[in-house]
Structure formats: structure tokens, C-alpha cells
Amino acid sequence: MSEQYNRALLAGRWYRMEMNNTGHQLVEYAELCLDGSFEFSFVEQTSQGEIISQNVELGDWGLVGDIHFTITQEEVVDNEHYCADLHNENNYQAYKILALDSQVFKYQHIVSNEVFILRRVVDKIGHC
């Protein structure tokens, strides 16, 4: 039987950063809203901070048991807004949640088995 996760734990802003095999830094910012919408921003940059590519995906997300899924509806590439091709299977993704708490979201792609670890973005630090 699969583990049940609290959907509300996924809501909020998340972040991950990693280096790819060419030495470029890949950064993802993710915002998951309780209404089921999401915005993912992806930035690839050189070690000197030069942006190589940047795109934004907008769409819907959900959680069933330990399966997190996304459906990309729109994309913004080089400041141009596009409706996503809903016939393209790459706009539908599913992941098995490996760990989820108030600070860390670890999940594995159902097909590729690639593992991702996002950390919650803290909006307010201190008492102000």
C-alpha cells in the first residue's frame, strides 16, 4: 500500500540547484498553489553567472497517495508566451514521492527514475 501525503505540505515555494555534466548550474524555482496551479522557472547558467537558457512552465498539479503529477498548460520562453501542446506527452509528468515534510520534497520520476530534491523557500526570516 502506498503512503498517503498531506497535499497542503506541497503548497508553497520550492527551490533546487545542481550542476549538470557540462559544469553549468541548473536552478529550478517552483510555486505550487492550493488551487492546483503551478509555476516552474528553470534557469541554466555558466559558472560566471551568464544565463544560457530560461523558461517558465505554468499548469496544474495534483497528488494521489504518493504520486505527484503535473500537466503543463503554458510556457514562457525568451519572454514569449505559448500555449503548451497538450498532445505532447512531455507536458504530462508523474513522480513517486520519496520524502515530504515542511522543508524537503524528494521525488522520483516514474519513467526515468531521476530523483529530484527541492527545498522550501523561507519567505520570512525573523520577526518583521
N, C-alpha and C. Protein backbone atom coordinates (compact mmCIF):
# COMPACT_ATOMS: atom_id res chain seq x y z
N MET A 1 0.84 -1.19 0.00
CA MET A 1 0.00 0.00 0.00
C MET A 1 0.89 1.25 0.00
N SER A 2 0.52 2.24 -0.79
CA SER A 2 1.32 3.46 -0.89
C SER A 2 1.07 4.37 0.30
N GLU A 3 2.07 5.18 0.60
CA GLU A 3 1.96 6.13 1.69
C GLU A 3 1.09 7.30 1.25
N GLN A 4 0.31 7.82 2.18
CA GLN A 4 -0.52 8.98 1.92
C GLN A 4 0.21 10.23 2.39
N TYR A 5 0.25 11.26 1.56
CA TYR A 5 0.90 12.51 1.92
C TYR A 5 -0.13 13.62 1.98
N ASN A 6 0.12 14.59 2.85
CA ASN A 6 -0.75 15.74 3.00
C ASN A 6 -0.51 16.71 1.85
N ARG A 7 -1.52 16.91 1.03
CA ARG A 7 -1.42 17.78 -0.14
C ARG A 7 -1.00 19.20 0.23
N ALA A 8 -1.47 19.68 1.37
CA ALA A 8 -1.16 21.05 1.79
C ALA A 8 0.34 21.25 2.03
N LEU A 9 1.06 20.17 2.36
CA LEU A 9 2.51 20.28 2.54
C LEU A 9 3.23 20.68 1.26
N LEU A 10 2.66 20.34 0.11
CA LEU A 10 3.29 20.68 -1.17
C LEU A 10 3.10 22.15 -1.54
N ALA A 11 2.05 22.77 -1.02
CA ALA A 11 1.77 24.16 -1.38
C ALA A 11 2.89 25.06 -0.87
N GLY A 12 3.28 25.99 -1.71
CA GLY A 12 4.31 26.94 -1.32
C GLY A 12 5.38 27.07 -2.39
N ARG A 13 6.49 27.69 -1.99
CA ARG A 13 7.58 27.93 -2.94
C ARG A 13 8.75 27.02 -2.60
N TRP A 14 9.35 26.43 -3.66
CA TRP A 14 10.43 25.46 -3.52
C TRP A 14 11.58 25.83 -4.45
N TYR A 15 12.75 25.24 -4.17
CA TYR A 15 13.97 25.61 -4.89
C TYR A 15 14.90 24.40 -4.96
N ARG A 16 15.60 24.27 -6.09
CA ARG A 16 16.70 23.30 -6.18
C ARG A 16 17.76 23.86 -7.11
N MET A 17 19.00 23.43 -6.86
CA MET A 17 20.13 23.84 -7.69
C MET A 17 21.06 22.65 -7.82
N GLU A 18 21.56 22.44 -9.03
CA GLU A 18 22.52 21.36 -9.27
C GLU A 18 23.42 21.76 -10.43
N MET A 19 24.51 21.04 -10.56
CA MET A 19 25.43 21.23 -11.68
C MET A 19 25.18 20.11 -12.68
N ASN A 20 25.16 20.45 -13.98
CA ASN A 20 25.00 19.40 -14.99
C ASN A 20 26.37 18.90 -15.42
N ASN A 21 26.39 17.96 -16.35
CA ASN A 21 27.66 17.34 -16.74
C ASN A 21 28.56 18.26 -17.57
N THR A 22 28.06 19.43 -17.98
CA THR A 22 28.91 20.40 -18.70
C THR A 22 29.42 21.49 -17.76
N GLY A 23 29.11 21.37 -16.46
CA GLY A 23 29.56 22.36 -15.49
C GLY A 23 28.66 23.56 -15.37
N HIS A 24 27.50 23.51 -16.01
CA HIS A 24 26.54 24.61 -15.89
C HIS A 24 25.65 24.40 -14.68
N GLN A 25 25.25 25.49 -14.08
CA GLN A 25 24.36 25.46 -12.93
C GLN A 25 22.91 25.45 -13.42
N LEU A 26 22.13 24.50 -12.92
CA LEU A 26 20.70 24.44 -13.23
C LEU A 26 19.94 24.81 -11.97
N VAL A 27 19.03 25.76 -12.09
CA VAL A 27 18.24 26.22 -10.95
C VAL A 27 16.77 26.09 -11.31
N GLU A 28 16.00 25.55 -10.37
CA GLU A 28 14.55 25.46 -10.53
C GLU A 28 13.89 26.16 -9.35
N TYR A 29 12.94 27.03 -9.66
CA TYR A 29 12.07 27.63 -8.66
C TYR A 29 10.67 27.10 -8.95
N ALA A 30 10.01 26.59 -7.94
CA ALA A 30 8.68 26.02 -8.13
C ALA A 30 7.71 26.65 -7.14
N GLU A 31 6.55 27.06 -7.64
CA GLU A 31 5.48 27.52 -6.76
C GLU A 31 4.26 26.65 -7.03
N LEU A 32 3.82 25.97 -5.98
CA LEU A 32 2.63 25.11 -6.05
C LEU A 32 1.54 25.76 -5.21
N CYS A 33 0.41 26.05 -5.83
CA CYS A 33 -0.69 26.72 -5.14
C CYS A 33 -1.76 25.71 -4.74
N LEU A 34 -2.46 26.01 -3.65
CA LEU A 34 -3.50 25.09 -3.17
C LEU A 34 -4.65 24.92 -4.16
N ASP A 35 -4.82 25.88 -5.09
CA ASP A 35 -5.88 25.74 -6.09
C ASP A 35 -5.51 24.75 -7.20
N GLY A 36 -4.31 24.13 -7.10
CA GLY A 36 -3.89 23.14 -8.09
C GLY A 36 -3.07 23.71 -9.23
N SER A 37 -2.76 24.99 -9.20
CA SER A 37 -1.93 25.57 -10.26
C SER A 37 -0.46 25.57 -9.85
N PHE A 38 0.41 25.63 -10.84
CA PHE A 38 1.84 25.72 -10.55
C PHE A 38 2.52 26.68 -11.50
N GLU A 39 3.69 27.16 -11.07
CA GLU A 39 4.61 27.90 -11.92
C GLU A 39 6.01 27.37 -11.62
N PHE A 40 6.68 26.84 -12.65
CA PHE A 40 8.05 26.36 -12.53
C PHE A 40 8.93 27.24 -13.39
N SER A 41 10.02 27.73 -12.82
CA SER A 41 11.01 28.51 -13.56
C SER A 41 12.32 27.73 -13.58
N PHE A 42 12.90 27.60 -14.76
CA PHE A 42 14.15 26.88 -14.94
C PHE A 42 15.19 27.82 -15.54
N VAL A 43 16.37 27.87 -14.92
CA VAL A 43 17.45 28.73 -15.40
C VAL A 43 18.72 27.89 -15.49
N GLU A 44 19.39 27.98 -16.64
CA GLU A 44 20.70 27.35 -16.80
C GLU A 44 21.71 28.47 -16.99
N GLN A 45 22.80 28.44 -16.21
CA GLN A 45 23.80 29.49 -16.32
C GLN A 45 25.21 28.93 -16.17
N THR A 46 26.16 29.68 -16.72
CA THR A 46 27.57 29.28 -16.64
C THR A 46 28.09 29.52 -15.23
N SER A 47 29.31 29.05 -14.98
CA SER A 47 29.93 29.26 -13.67
C SER A 47 30.20 30.74 -13.41
N GLN A 48 30.22 31.56 -14.47
CA GLN A 48 30.39 33.01 -14.32
C GLN A 48 29.05 33.73 -14.14
N GLY A 49 27.94 33.00 -14.14
CA GLY A 49 26.63 33.59 -13.93
C GLY A 49 25.91 34.02 -15.19
N GLU A 50 26.48 33.75 -16.37
CA GLU A 50 25.82 34.11 -17.63
C GLU A 50 24.66 33.15 -17.88
N ILE A 51 23.48 33.71 -18.11
CA ILE A 51 22.29 32.89 -18.35
C ILE A 51 22.34 32.31 -19.76
N ILE A 52 22.24 30.99 -19.85
CA ILE A 52 22.24 30.28 -21.12
C ILE A 52 20.82 30.08 -21.61
N SER A 53 19.95 29.66 -20.70
CA SER A 53 18.55 29.46 -21.06
C SER A 53 17.68 29.71 -19.84
N GLN A 54 16.45 30.14 -20.12
CA GLN A 54 15.50 30.42 -19.06
C GLN A 54 14.11 30.17 -19.61
N ASN A 55 13.33 29.37 -18.89
CA ASN A 55 11.94 29.19 -19.32
C ASN A 55 11.05 28.99 -18.10
N VAL A 56 9.77 29.25 -18.31
CA VAL A 56 8.76 29.15 -17.26
C VAL A 56 7.66 28.24 -17.78
N GLU A 57 7.20 27.34 -16.92
CA GLU A 57 6.06 26.47 -17.24
C GLU A 57 4.94 26.78 -16.26
N LEU A 58 3.73 26.84 -16.77
CA LEU A 58 2.53 27.07 -15.96
C LEU A 58 1.57 25.92 -16.21
N GLY A 59 0.87 25.51 -15.17
CA GLY A 59 -0.07 24.42 -15.38
C GLY A 59 -0.76 23.99 -14.11
N ASP A 60 -1.13 22.72 -14.08
CA ASP A 60 -1.89 22.14 -12.97
C ASP A 60 -1.09 21.01 -12.34
N TRP A 61 -1.28 20.81 -11.05
CA TRP A 61 -0.62 19.73 -10.33
C TRP A 61 -1.63 19.03 -9.43
N GLY A 62 -1.26 17.83 -9.01
CA GLY A 62 -2.11 17.10 -8.10
C GLY A 62 -1.31 16.07 -7.33
N LEU A 63 -1.97 15.48 -6.36
CA LEU A 63 -1.36 14.47 -5.51
C LEU A 63 -2.39 13.39 -5.22
N VAL A 64 -2.02 12.15 -5.52
CA VAL A 64 -2.87 10.99 -5.23
C VAL A 64 -1.99 9.98 -4.51
N GLY A 65 -2.27 9.74 -3.22
CA GLY A 65 -1.43 8.83 -2.45
C GLY A 65 -0.01 9.34 -2.40
N ASP A 66 0.92 8.58 -2.99
CA ASP A 66 2.32 9.02 -3.04
C ASP A 66 2.74 9.41 -4.46
N ILE A 67 1.76 9.69 -5.32
CA ILE A 67 2.05 10.10 -6.70
C ILE A 67 1.72 11.58 -6.88
N HIS A 68 2.74 12.33 -7.27
CA HIS A 68 2.60 13.76 -7.59
C HIS A 68 2.63 13.88 -9.11
N PHE A 69 1.70 14.63 -9.68
CA PHE A 69 1.67 14.76 -11.14
C PHE A 69 1.53 16.22 -11.55
N THR A 70 2.02 16.52 -12.76
CA THR A 70 1.91 17.86 -13.31
C THR A 70 1.43 17.79 -14.76
N ILE A 71 0.67 18.81 -15.14
CA ILE A 71 0.22 18.97 -16.52
C ILE A 71 0.58 20.40 -16.93
N THR A 72 1.54 20.53 -17.83
CA THR A 72 1.96 21.85 -18.29
C THR A 72 0.95 22.36 -19.31
N GLN A 73 0.41 23.56 -19.04
CA GLN A 73 -0.60 24.17 -19.90
C GLN A 73 -0.03 25.31 -20.76
N GLU A 74 0.99 26.00 -20.21
CA GLU A 74 1.55 27.17 -20.88
C GLU A 74 3.06 27.22 -20.64
N GLU A 75 3.76 27.90 -21.54
CA GLU A 75 5.21 28.09 -21.40
C GLU A 75 5.58 29.52 -21.76
N VAL A 76 6.60 30.02 -21.11
CA VAL A 76 7.18 31.31 -21.46
C VAL A 76 8.65 31.05 -21.75
N VAL A 77 9.06 31.30 -23.00
CA VAL A 77 10.44 31.09 -23.43
C VAL A 77 10.92 32.39 -24.07
N ASP A 78 12.05 32.91 -23.57
CA ASP A 78 12.60 34.17 -24.08
C ASP A 78 11.54 35.27 -24.12
N ASN A 79 10.78 35.38 -23.04
CA ASN A 79 9.73 36.38 -22.86
C ASN A 79 8.56 36.24 -23.83
N GLU A 80 8.47 35.13 -24.55
CA GLU A 80 7.34 34.85 -25.43
C GLU A 80 6.44 33.82 -24.77
N HIS A 81 5.14 34.10 -24.75
CA HIS A 81 4.16 33.24 -24.09
C HIS A 81 3.54 32.29 -25.11
N TYR A 82 3.49 30.99 -24.76
CA TYR A 82 2.93 29.97 -25.66
C TYR A 82 1.97 29.07 -24.90
N CYS A 83 0.91 28.66 -25.57
CA CYS A 83 0.07 27.58 -25.04
C CYS A 83 0.82 26.28 -25.28
N ALA A 84 0.84 25.42 -24.27
CA ALA A 84 1.53 24.14 -24.42
C ALA A 84 0.72 23.23 -25.34
N ASP A 85 1.41 22.39 -26.07
CA ASP A 85 0.77 21.40 -26.94
C ASP A 85 0.32 20.24 -26.07
N LEU A 86 -0.98 20.16 -25.80
CA LEU A 86 -1.50 19.13 -24.91
C LEU A 86 -1.51 17.75 -25.56
N HIS A 87 -1.15 17.67 -26.84
CA HIS A 87 -0.96 16.37 -27.48
C HIS A 87 0.45 15.83 -27.23
N ASN A 88 1.34 16.69 -26.74
CA ASN A 88 2.73 16.30 -26.48
C ASN A 88 2.81 15.64 -25.11
N GLU A 89 3.21 14.37 -25.09
CA GLU A 89 3.26 13.62 -23.84
C GLU A 89 4.27 14.17 -22.84
N ASN A 90 5.23 14.98 -23.29
CA ASN A 90 6.20 15.58 -22.37
C ASN A 90 5.58 16.64 -21.47
N ASN A 91 4.36 17.06 -21.76
CA ASN A 91 3.67 18.03 -20.91
C ASN A 91 2.92 17.37 -19.76
N TYR A 92 3.02 16.06 -19.65
CA TYR A 92 2.39 15.28 -18.57
C TYR A 92 3.49 14.52 -17.84
N GLN A 93 3.61 14.75 -16.55
CA GLN A 93 4.67 14.10 -15.77
C GLN A 93 4.08 13.51 -14.49
N ALA A 94 4.68 12.41 -14.03
CA ALA A 94 4.26 11.78 -12.78
C ALA A 94 5.49 11.37 -12.00
N TYR A 95 5.40 11.52 -10.69
CA TYR A 95 6.54 11.28 -9.80
C TYR A 95 6.07 10.54 -8.55
N LYS A 96 6.92 9.65 -8.05
CA LYS A 96 6.68 8.99 -6.77
C LYS A 96 7.35 9.83 -5.70
N ILE A 97 6.61 10.18 -4.67
CA ILE A 97 7.18 10.95 -3.57
C ILE A 97 7.99 10.00 -2.69
N LEU A 98 9.24 10.36 -2.46
CA LEU A 98 10.13 9.58 -1.61
C LEU A 98 10.19 10.15 -0.20
N ALA A 99 10.05 11.47 -0.07
CA ALA A 99 10.04 12.14 1.23
C ALA A 99 9.36 13.49 1.07
N LEU A 100 8.58 13.87 2.06
CA LEU A 100 7.92 15.17 2.05
C LEU A 100 7.68 15.61 3.48
N ASP A 101 8.23 16.77 3.81
CA ASP A 101 7.92 17.40 5.09
C ASP A 101 7.88 18.91 4.87
N SER A 102 7.89 19.67 5.92
CA SER A 102 7.74 21.13 5.77
C SER A 102 8.95 21.80 5.13
N GLN A 103 10.08 21.09 5.00
CA GLN A 103 11.29 21.69 4.46
C GLN A 103 11.83 21.04 3.20
N VAL A 104 11.58 19.74 2.99
CA VAL A 104 12.18 18.98 1.89
C VAL A 104 11.11 18.20 1.13
N PHE A 105 11.21 18.24 -0.20
CA PHE A 105 10.34 17.48 -1.09
C PHE A 105 11.25 16.67 -2.01
N LYS A 106 11.30 15.36 -1.80
CA LYS A 106 12.14 14.47 -2.59
C LYS A 106 11.24 13.55 -3.38
N TYR A 107 11.47 13.48 -4.70
CA TYR A 107 10.58 12.70 -5.55
C TYR A 107 11.34 12.10 -6.72
N GLN A 108 10.76 11.05 -7.30
CA GLN A 108 11.41 10.29 -8.37
C GLN A 108 10.47 10.19 -9.56
N HIS A 109 11.00 10.50 -10.75
CA HIS A 109 10.20 10.42 -11.97
C HIS A 109 9.80 8.97 -12.22
N ILE A 110 8.55 8.75 -12.55
CA ILE A 110 8.00 7.40 -12.73
C ILE A 110 8.69 6.66 -13.88
N VAL A 111 9.02 7.36 -14.96
CA VAL A 111 9.60 6.70 -16.15
C VAL A 111 11.13 6.69 -16.10
N SER A 112 11.75 7.85 -15.90
CA SER A 112 13.22 7.94 -15.98
C SER A 112 13.93 7.53 -14.70
N ASN A 113 13.20 7.48 -13.59
CA ASN A 113 13.75 7.18 -12.25
C ASN A 113 14.67 8.28 -11.73
N GLU A 114 14.76 9.41 -12.43
CA GLU A 114 15.58 10.52 -11.95
C GLU A 114 14.99 11.05 -10.64
N VAL A 115 15.87 11.33 -9.67
CA VAL A 115 15.45 11.81 -8.36
C VAL A 115 15.74 13.31 -8.25
N PHE A 116 14.78 14.05 -7.72
CA PHE A 116 14.90 15.49 -7.52
C PHE A 116 14.68 15.79 -6.05
N ILE A 117 15.40 16.78 -5.54
CA ILE A 117 15.21 17.23 -4.16
C ILE A 117 15.00 18.73 -4.18
N LEU A 118 13.82 19.16 -3.75
CA LEU A 118 13.50 20.58 -3.62
C LEU A 118 13.52 20.96 -2.15
N ARG A 119 13.92 22.18 -1.87
CA ARG A 119 13.89 22.70 -0.51
C ARG A 119 12.95 23.90 -0.46
N ARG A 120 12.21 23.99 0.64
CA ARG A 120 11.24 25.07 0.77
C ARG A 120 11.95 26.42 0.84
N VAL A 121 11.39 27.41 0.17
CA VAL A 121 11.88 28.78 0.25
C VAL A 121 11.22 29.42 1.46
N VAL A 122 12.04 29.98 2.33
CA VAL A 122 11.54 30.66 3.52
C VAL A 122 11.30 32.12 3.15
N ASP A 123 10.03 32.54 3.25
CA ASP A 123 9.68 33.91 2.87
C ASP A 123 10.04 34.93 3.94
N LYS A 124 9.84 34.54 5.20
CA LYS A 124 10.04 35.50 6.28
C LYS A 124 11.08 34.95 7.25
N ILE A 125 12.12 35.71 7.43
CA ILE A 125 13.15 35.35 8.40
C ILE A 125 13.12 36.41 9.49
N GLY A 126 13.01 35.99 10.71
CA GLY A 126 12.95 36.93 11.83
C GLY A 126 11.51 37.29 12.17
N HIS A 127 11.35 38.41 12.83
CA HIS A 127 10.03 38.81 13.35
C HIS A 127 9.35 39.89 12.53
N CYS A 128 9.98 40.43 11.53
CA CYS A 128 9.40 41.54 10.76
C CYS A 128 8.49 41.06 9.67
